[in-house]
């Protein structure tokens, strides 16, 4: 992701109270947060080896050998 170009909204004392970011950056951030939440939810699931994954993909017709 490229650098986010944000703008801040400040109150009368100059304290930052809100931020404005481009919609494209917001959507990317939301997608990243979703991906991280999925990873966190699945962290205790059993894992499989790369070879097992390849075998499953071949069996499902999603990968050719």
PDB file of N, CA and C in Angstrom:
ATOM      1  N   UNK A   1       0.843  -1.167   0.000  1.00  0.00           N
ATOM      2  CA  UNK A   1       0.000   0.000   0.000  1.00  0.00           C
ATOM      3  C   UNK A   1       0.892   1.234   0.000  1.00  0.00           C
ATOM      4  N   UNK A   2       0.499   2.210  -0.752  1.00  0.00           N
ATOM      5  CA  UNK A   2       1.283   3.431  -0.817  1.00  0.00           C
ATOM      6  C   UNK A   2       1.024   4.300   0.409  1.00  0.00           C
ATOM      7  N   UNK A   3       1.793   5.347   0.525  1.00  0.00           N
ATOM      8  CA  UNK A   3       1.615   6.275   1.652  1.00  0.00           C
ATOM      9  C   UNK A   3       0.230   6.881   1.612  1.00  0.00           C
ATOM     10  N   UNK A   4      -0.410   6.919   2.765  1.00  0.00           N
ATOM     11  CA  UNK A   4      -1.741   7.517   2.872  1.00  0.00           C
ATOM     12  C   UNK A   4      -1.581   9.024   3.035  1.00  0.00           C
ATOM     13  N   UNK A   5      -2.334   9.756   2.248  1.00  0.00           N
ATOM     14  CA  UNK A   5      -2.311  11.219   2.338  1.00  0.00           C
ATOM     15  C   UNK A   5      -3.539  11.665   3.120  1.00  0.00           C
ATOM     16  N   UNK A   6      -3.327  11.852   4.411  1.00  0.00           N
ATOM     17  CA  UNK A   6      -4.436  12.182   5.285  1.00  0.00           C
ATOM     18  C   UNK A   6      -4.516  13.674   5.532  1.00  0.00           C
ATOM     19  N   UNK A   7      -5.707  14.106   5.907  1.00  0.00           N
ATOM     20  CA  UNK A   7      -5.940  15.476   6.343  1.00  0.00           C
ATOM     21  C   UNK A   7      -6.600  15.392   7.712  1.00  0.00           C
ATOM     22  N   UNK A   8      -6.291  16.336   8.564  1.00  0.00           N
ATOM     23  CA  UNK A   8      -6.831  16.310   9.914  1.00  0.00           C
ATOM     24  C   UNK A   8      -7.825  17.435  10.123  1.00  0.00           C
ATOM     25  N   UNK A   9      -8.838  17.146  10.929  1.00  0.00           N
ATOM     26  CA  UNK A   9      -9.770  18.159  11.393  1.00  0.00           C
ATOM     27  C   UNK A   9      -9.369  18.470  12.826  1.00  0.00           C
ATOM     28  N   UNK A  10      -9.254  19.732  13.129  1.00  0.00           N
ATOM     29  CA  UNK A  10      -8.813  20.147  14.467  1.00  0.00           C
ATOM     30  C   UNK A  10      -9.904  20.990  15.127  1.00  0.00           C
ATOM     31  N   UNK A  11      -9.873  20.988  16.454  1.00  0.00           N
ATOM     32  CA  UNK A  11     -10.817  21.829  17.183  1.00  0.00           C
ATOM     33  C   UNK A  11     -10.244  23.238  17.346  1.00  0.00           C
ATOM     34  N   UNK A  12     -10.929  24.041  18.131  1.00  0.00           N
ATOM     35  CA  UNK A  12     -10.518  25.444  18.300  1.00  0.00           C
ATOM     36  C   UNK A  12      -9.132  25.592  18.920  1.00  0.00           C
ATOM     37  N   UNK A  13      -8.693  24.579  19.664  1.00  0.00           N
ATOM     38  CA  UNK A  13      -7.387  24.655  20.323  1.00  0.00           C
ATOM     39  C   UNK A  13      -6.276  24.052  19.465  1.00  0.00           C
ATOM     40  N   UNK A  14      -6.637  23.532  18.289  1.00  0.00           N
ATOM     41  CA  UNK A  14      -5.640  22.917  17.426  1.00  0.00           C
ATOM     42  C   UNK A  14      -5.458  21.424  17.661  1.00  0.00           C
ATOM     43  N   UNK A  15      -6.237  20.847  18.557  1.00  0.00           N
ATOM     44  CA  UNK A  15      -6.156  19.414  18.832  1.00  0.00           C
ATOM     45  C   UNK A  15      -6.833  18.641  17.696  1.00  0.00           C
ATOM     46  N   UNK A  16      -6.135  17.627  17.183  1.00  0.00           N
ATOM     47  CA  UNK A  16      -6.697  16.804  16.120  1.00  0.00           C
ATOM     48  C   UNK A  16      -7.872  16.018  16.668  1.00  0.00           C
ATOM     49  N   UNK A  17      -9.010  16.084  15.961  1.00  0.00           N
ATOM     50  CA  UNK A  17     -10.214  15.394  16.416  1.00  0.00           C
ATOM     51  C   UNK A  17     -10.722  14.366  15.416  1.00  0.00           C
ATOM     52  N   UNK A  18     -10.288  14.461  14.176  1.00  0.00           N
ATOM     53  CA  UNK A  18     -10.745  13.522  13.144  1.00  0.00           C
ATOM     54  C   UNK A  18      -9.724  13.529  12.012  1.00  0.00           C
ATOM     55  N   UNK A  19      -9.868  12.539  11.144  1.00  0.00           N
ATOM     56  CA  UNK A  19      -8.961  12.436  10.006  1.00  0.00           C
ATOM     57  C   UNK A  19      -9.771  12.156   8.745  1.00  0.00           C
ATOM     58  N   UNK A  20      -9.301  12.702   7.640  1.00  0.00           N
ATOM     59  CA  UNK A  20      -9.911  12.458   6.337  1.00  0.00           C
ATOM     60  C   UNK A  20      -8.861  11.755   5.487  1.00  0.00           C
ATOM     61  N   UNK A  21      -9.251  10.612   4.910  1.00  0.00           N
ATOM     62  CA  UNK A  21      -8.354   9.897   4.009  1.00  0.00           C
ATOM     63  C   UNK A  21      -9.108   9.599   2.717  1.00  0.00           C
ATOM     64  N   UNK A  22      -8.385   9.417   1.624  1.00  0.00           N
ATOM     65  CA  UNK A  22      -9.055   9.086   0.367  1.00  0.00           C
ATOM     66  C   UNK A  22      -9.847   7.775   0.502  1.00  0.00           C
ATOM     67  N   UNK A  23     -10.966   7.711  -0.186  1.00  0.00           N
ATOM     68  CA  UNK A  23     -11.839   6.541  -0.117  1.00  0.00           C
ATOM     69  C   UNK A  23     -11.101   5.267  -0.501  1.00  0.00           C
ATOM     70  N   UNK A  24     -10.239   5.336  -1.485  1.00  0.00           N
ATOM     71  CA  UNK A  24      -9.460   4.171  -1.913  1.00  0.00           C
ATOM     72  C   UNK A  24      -8.606   3.639  -0.757  1.00  0.00           C
ATOM     73  N   UNK A  25      -7.960   4.538  -0.028  1.00  0.00           N
ATOM     74  CA  UNK A  25      -7.140   4.131   1.117  1.00  0.00           C
ATOM     75  C   UNK A  25      -8.005   3.551   2.230  1.00  0.00           C
ATOM     76  N   UNK A  26      -9.176   4.158   2.456  1.00  0.00           N
ATOM     77  CA  UNK A  26     -10.094   3.650   3.486  1.00  0.00           C
ATOM     78  C   UNK A  26     -10.518   2.223   3.158  1.00  0.00           C
ATOM     79  N   UNK A  27     -10.892   1.997   1.908  1.00  0.00           N
ATOM     80  CA  UNK A  27     -11.320   0.657   1.508  1.00  0.00           C
ATOM     81  C   UNK A  27     -10.198  -0.360   1.686  1.00  0.00           C
ATOM     82  N   UNK A  28      -8.972   0.031   1.339  1.00  0.00           N
ATOM     83  CA  UNK A  28      -7.834  -0.876   1.498  1.00  0.00           C
ATOM     84  C   UNK A  28      -7.597  -1.182   2.975  1.00  0.00           C
ATOM     85  N   UNK A  29      -7.703  -0.172   3.814  1.00  0.00           N
ATOM     86  CA  UNK A  29      -7.544  -0.388   5.258  1.00  0.00           C
ATOM     87  C   UNK A  29      -8.615  -1.331   5.798  1.00  0.00           C
ATOM     88  N   UNK A  30      -9.853  -1.156   5.353  1.00  0.00           N
ATOM     89  CA  UNK A  30     -10.936  -2.036   5.798  1.00  0.00           C
ATOM     90  C   UNK A  30     -10.695  -3.471   5.332  1.00  0.00           C
ATOM     91  N   UNK A  31     -10.205  -3.641   4.118  1.00  0.00           N
ATOM     92  CA  UNK A  31      -9.895  -4.979   3.618  1.00  0.00           C
ATOM     93  C   UNK A  31      -8.767  -5.613   4.435  1.00  0.00           C
ATOM     94  N   UNK A  32      -7.744  -4.823   4.731  1.00  0.00           N
ATOM     95  CA  UNK A  32      -6.636  -5.325   5.543  1.00  0.00           C
ATOM     96  C   UNK A  32      -7.105  -5.720   6.936  1.00  0.00           C
ATOM     97  N   UNK A  33      -7.968  -4.914   7.546  1.00  0.00           N
ATOM     98  CA  UNK A  33      -8.499  -5.243   8.872  1.00  0.00           C
ATOM     99  C   UNK A  33      -9.320  -6.527   8.831  1.00  0.00           C
ATOM    100  N   UNK A  34     -10.106  -6.688   7.783  1.00  0.00           N
ATOM    101  CA  UNK A  34     -10.887  -7.919   7.639  1.00  0.00           C
ATOM    102  C   UNK A  34      -9.961  -9.126   7.522  1.00  0.00           C
ATOM    103  N   UNK A  35      -8.938  -9.004   6.674  1.00  0.00           N
ATOM    104  CA  UNK A  35      -7.983 -10.103   6.510  1.00  0.00           C
ATOM    105  C   UNK A  35      -7.325 -10.464   7.839  1.00  0.00           C
ATOM    106  N   UNK A  36      -6.931  -9.462   8.608  1.00  0.00           N
ATOM    107  CA  UNK A  36      -6.300  -9.716   9.906  1.00  0.00           C
ATOM    108  C   UNK A  36      -7.264 -10.389  10.880  1.00  0.00           C
ATOM    109  N   UNK A  37      -8.544 -10.007  10.829  1.00  0.00           N
ATOM    110  CA  UNK A  37      -9.509 -10.632  11.732  1.00  0.00           C
ATOM    111  C   UNK A  37      -9.728 -12.099  11.360  1.00  0.00           C
ATOM    112  N   UNK A  38      -9.705 -12.413  10.070  1.00  0.00           N
ATOM    113  CA  UNK A  38      -9.841 -13.807   9.637  1.00  0.00           C
ATOM    114  C   UNK A  38      -8.646 -14.621  10.115  1.00  0.00           C
ATOM    115  N   UNK A  39      -7.460 -14.058   9.975  1.00  0.00           N
ATOM    116  CA  UNK A  39      -6.250 -14.749  10.443  1.00  0.00           C
ATOM    117  C   UNK A  39      -6.345 -15.001  11.946  1.00  0.00           C
ATOM    118  N   UNK A  40      -6.773 -13.993  12.699  1.00  0.00           N
ATOM    119  CA  UNK A  40      -6.879 -14.143  14.153  1.00  0.00           C
ATOM    120  C   UNK A  40      -7.902 -15.213  14.530  1.00  0.00           C
ATOM    121  N   UNK A  41      -9.032 -15.241  13.822  1.00  0.00           N
ATOM    122  CA  UNK A  41     -10.066 -16.234  14.115  1.00  0.00           C
ATOM    123  C   UNK A  41      -9.588 -17.654  13.814  1.00  0.00           C
ATOM    124  N   UNK A  42      -8.711 -17.802  12.843  1.00  0.00           N
ATOM    125  CA  UNK A  42      -8.320 -19.138  12.388  1.00  0.00           C
ATOM    126  C   UNK A  42      -6.965 -19.587  12.938  1.00  0.00           C
ATOM    127  N   UNK A  43      -6.374 -18.825  13.818  1.00  0.00           N
ATOM    128  CA  UNK A  43      -5.002 -19.112  14.258  1.00  0.00           C
ATOM    129  C   UNK A  43      -4.852 -20.452  14.981  1.00  0.00           C
ATOM    130  N   UNK A  44      -5.937 -20.977  15.526  1.00  0.00           N
ATOM    131  CA  UNK A  44      -5.852 -22.246  16.258  1.00  0.00           C
ATOM    132  C   UNK A  44      -6.277 -23.447  15.417  1.00  0.00           C
ATOM    133  N   UNK A  45      -6.626 -23.205  14.156  1.00  0.00           N
ATOM    134  CA  UNK A  45      -7.009 -24.315  13.291  1.00  0.00           C
ATOM    135  C   UNK A  45      -5.779 -25.140  12.933  1.00  0.00           C
ATOM    136  N   UNK A  46      -5.985 -26.430  12.706  1.00  0.00           N
ATOM    137  CA  UNK A  46      -4.842 -27.251  12.315  1.00  0.00           C
ATOM    138  C   UNK A  46      -4.299 -26.824  10.951  1.00  0.00           C
ATOM    139  N   UNK A  47      -3.002 -27.024  10.762  1.00  0.00           N
ATOM    140  CA  UNK A  47      -2.369 -26.657   9.494  1.00  0.00           C
ATOM    141  C   UNK A  47      -2.143 -27.909   8.654  1.00  0.00           C
ATOM    142  N   UNK A  48      -1.881 -27.686   7.361  1.00  0.00           N
ATOM    143  CA  UNK A  48      -1.531 -28.787   6.471  1.00  0.00           C
ATOM    144  C   UNK A  48      -0.236 -28.411   5.755  1.00  0.00           C
ATOM    145  N   UNK A  49       0.449 -29.418   5.257  1.00  0.00           N
ATOM    146  CA  UNK A  49       1.696 -29.170   4.549  1.00  0.00           C
ATOM    147  C   UNK A  49       1.402 -28.648   3.141  1.00  0.00           C
ATOM    148  N   UNK A  50       2.422 -28.085   2.527  1.00  0.00           N
ATOM    149  CA  UNK A  50       2.292 -27.607   1.160  1.00  0.00           C
ATOM    150  C   UNK A  50       1.950 -28.761   0.223  1.00  0.00           C
ATOM    151  N   UNK A  51       2.561 -29.911   0.438  1.00  0.00           N
ATOM    152  CA  UNK A  51       2.271 -31.074  -0.401  1.00  0.00           C
ATOM    153  C   UNK A  51       0.810 -31.490  -0.277  1.00  0.00           C
ATOM    154  N   UNK A  52       0.268 -31.477   0.936  1.00  0.00           N
ATOM    155  CA  UNK A  52      -1.143 -31.818   1.148  1.00  0.00           C
ATOM    156  C   UNK A  52      -2.050 -30.811   0.429  1.00  0.00           C
ATOM    157  N   UNK A  53      -1.704 -29.546   0.521  1.00  0.00           N
ATOM    158  CA  UNK A  53      -2.477 -28.510  -0.158  1.00  0.00           C
ATOM    159  C   UNK A  53      -2.486 -28.746  -1.664  1.00  0.00           C
ATOM    160  N   UNK A  54      -1.308 -29.030  -2.227  1.00  0.00           N
ATOM    161  CA  UNK A  54      -1.224 -29.296  -3.663  1.00  0.00           C
ATOM    162  C   UNK A  54      -2.070 -30.502  -4.046  1.00  0.00           C
ATOM    163  N   UNK A  55      -2.026 -31.556  -3.233  1.00  0.00           N
ATOM    164  CA  UNK A  55      -2.823 -32.753  -3.519  1.00  0.00           C
ATOM    165  C   UNK A  55      -4.321 -32.425  -3.514  1.00  0.00           C
ATOM    166  N   UNK A  56      -4.753 -31.637  -2.569  1.00  0.00           N
ATOM    167  CA  UNK A  56      -6.172 -31.255  -2.500  1.00  0.00           C
ATOM    168  C   UNK A  56      -6.575 -30.413  -3.715  1.00  0.00           C
ATOM    169  N   UNK A  57      -5.712 -29.490  -4.111  1.00  0.00           N
ATOM    170  CA  UNK A  57      -6.019 -28.653  -5.265  1.00  0.00           C
ATOM    171  C   UNK A  57      -6.082 -29.472  -6.547  1.00  0.00           C
ATOM    172  N   UNK A  58      -5.188 -30.425  -6.686  1.00  0.00           N
ATOM    173  CA  UNK A  58      -5.210 -31.323  -7.845  1.00  0.00           C
ATOM    174  C   UNK A  58      -6.484 -32.149  -7.828  1.00  0.00           C
ATOM    175  N   UNK A  59      -6.842 -32.690  -6.683  1.00  0.00           N
ATOM    176  CA  UNK A  59      -8.037 -33.510  -6.566  1.00  0.00           C
ATOM    177  C   UNK A  59      -9.303 -32.715  -6.892  1.00  0.00           C
ATOM    178  N   UNK A  60      -9.289 -31.432  -6.568  1.00  0.00           N
ATOM    179  CA  UNK A  60     -10.454 -30.570  -6.836  1.00  0.00           C
ATOM    180  C   UNK A  60     -10.425 -29.998  -8.253  1.00  0.00           C
ATOM    181  N   UNK A  61      -9.370 -30.328  -9.015  1.00  0.00           N
ATOM    182  CA  UNK A  61      -9.260 -29.825 -10.375  1.00  0.00           C
ATOM    183  C   UNK A  61      -8.846 -28.366 -10.486  1.00  0.00           C
ATOM    184  N   UNK A  62      -8.303 -27.835  -9.403  1.00  0.00           N
ATOM    185  CA  UNK A  62      -7.894 -26.428  -9.396  1.00  0.00           C
ATOM    186  C   UNK A  62      -6.419 -26.238  -9.703  1.00  0.00           C
ATOM    187  N   UNK A  63      -5.677 -27.336  -9.773  1.00  0.00           N
ATOM    188  CA  UNK A  63      -4.249 -27.280 -10.055  1.00  0.00           C
ATOM    189  C   UNK A  63      -3.883 -28.468 -10.922  1.00  0.00           C
ATOM    190  N   UNK A  64      -3.095 -28.214 -11.941  1.00  0.00           N
ATOM    191  CA  UNK A  64      -2.639 -29.288 -12.809  1.00  0.00           C
ATOM    192  C   UNK A  64      -1.199 -29.631 -12.458  1.00  0.00           C
ATOM    193  N   UNK A  65      -0.880 -30.916 -12.553  1.00  0.00           N
ATOM    194  CA  UNK A  65       0.490 -31.326 -12.241  1.00  0.00           C
ATOM    195  C   UNK A  65       1.323 -31.420 -13.488  1.00  0.00           C
TER     196      UNK A  65
END
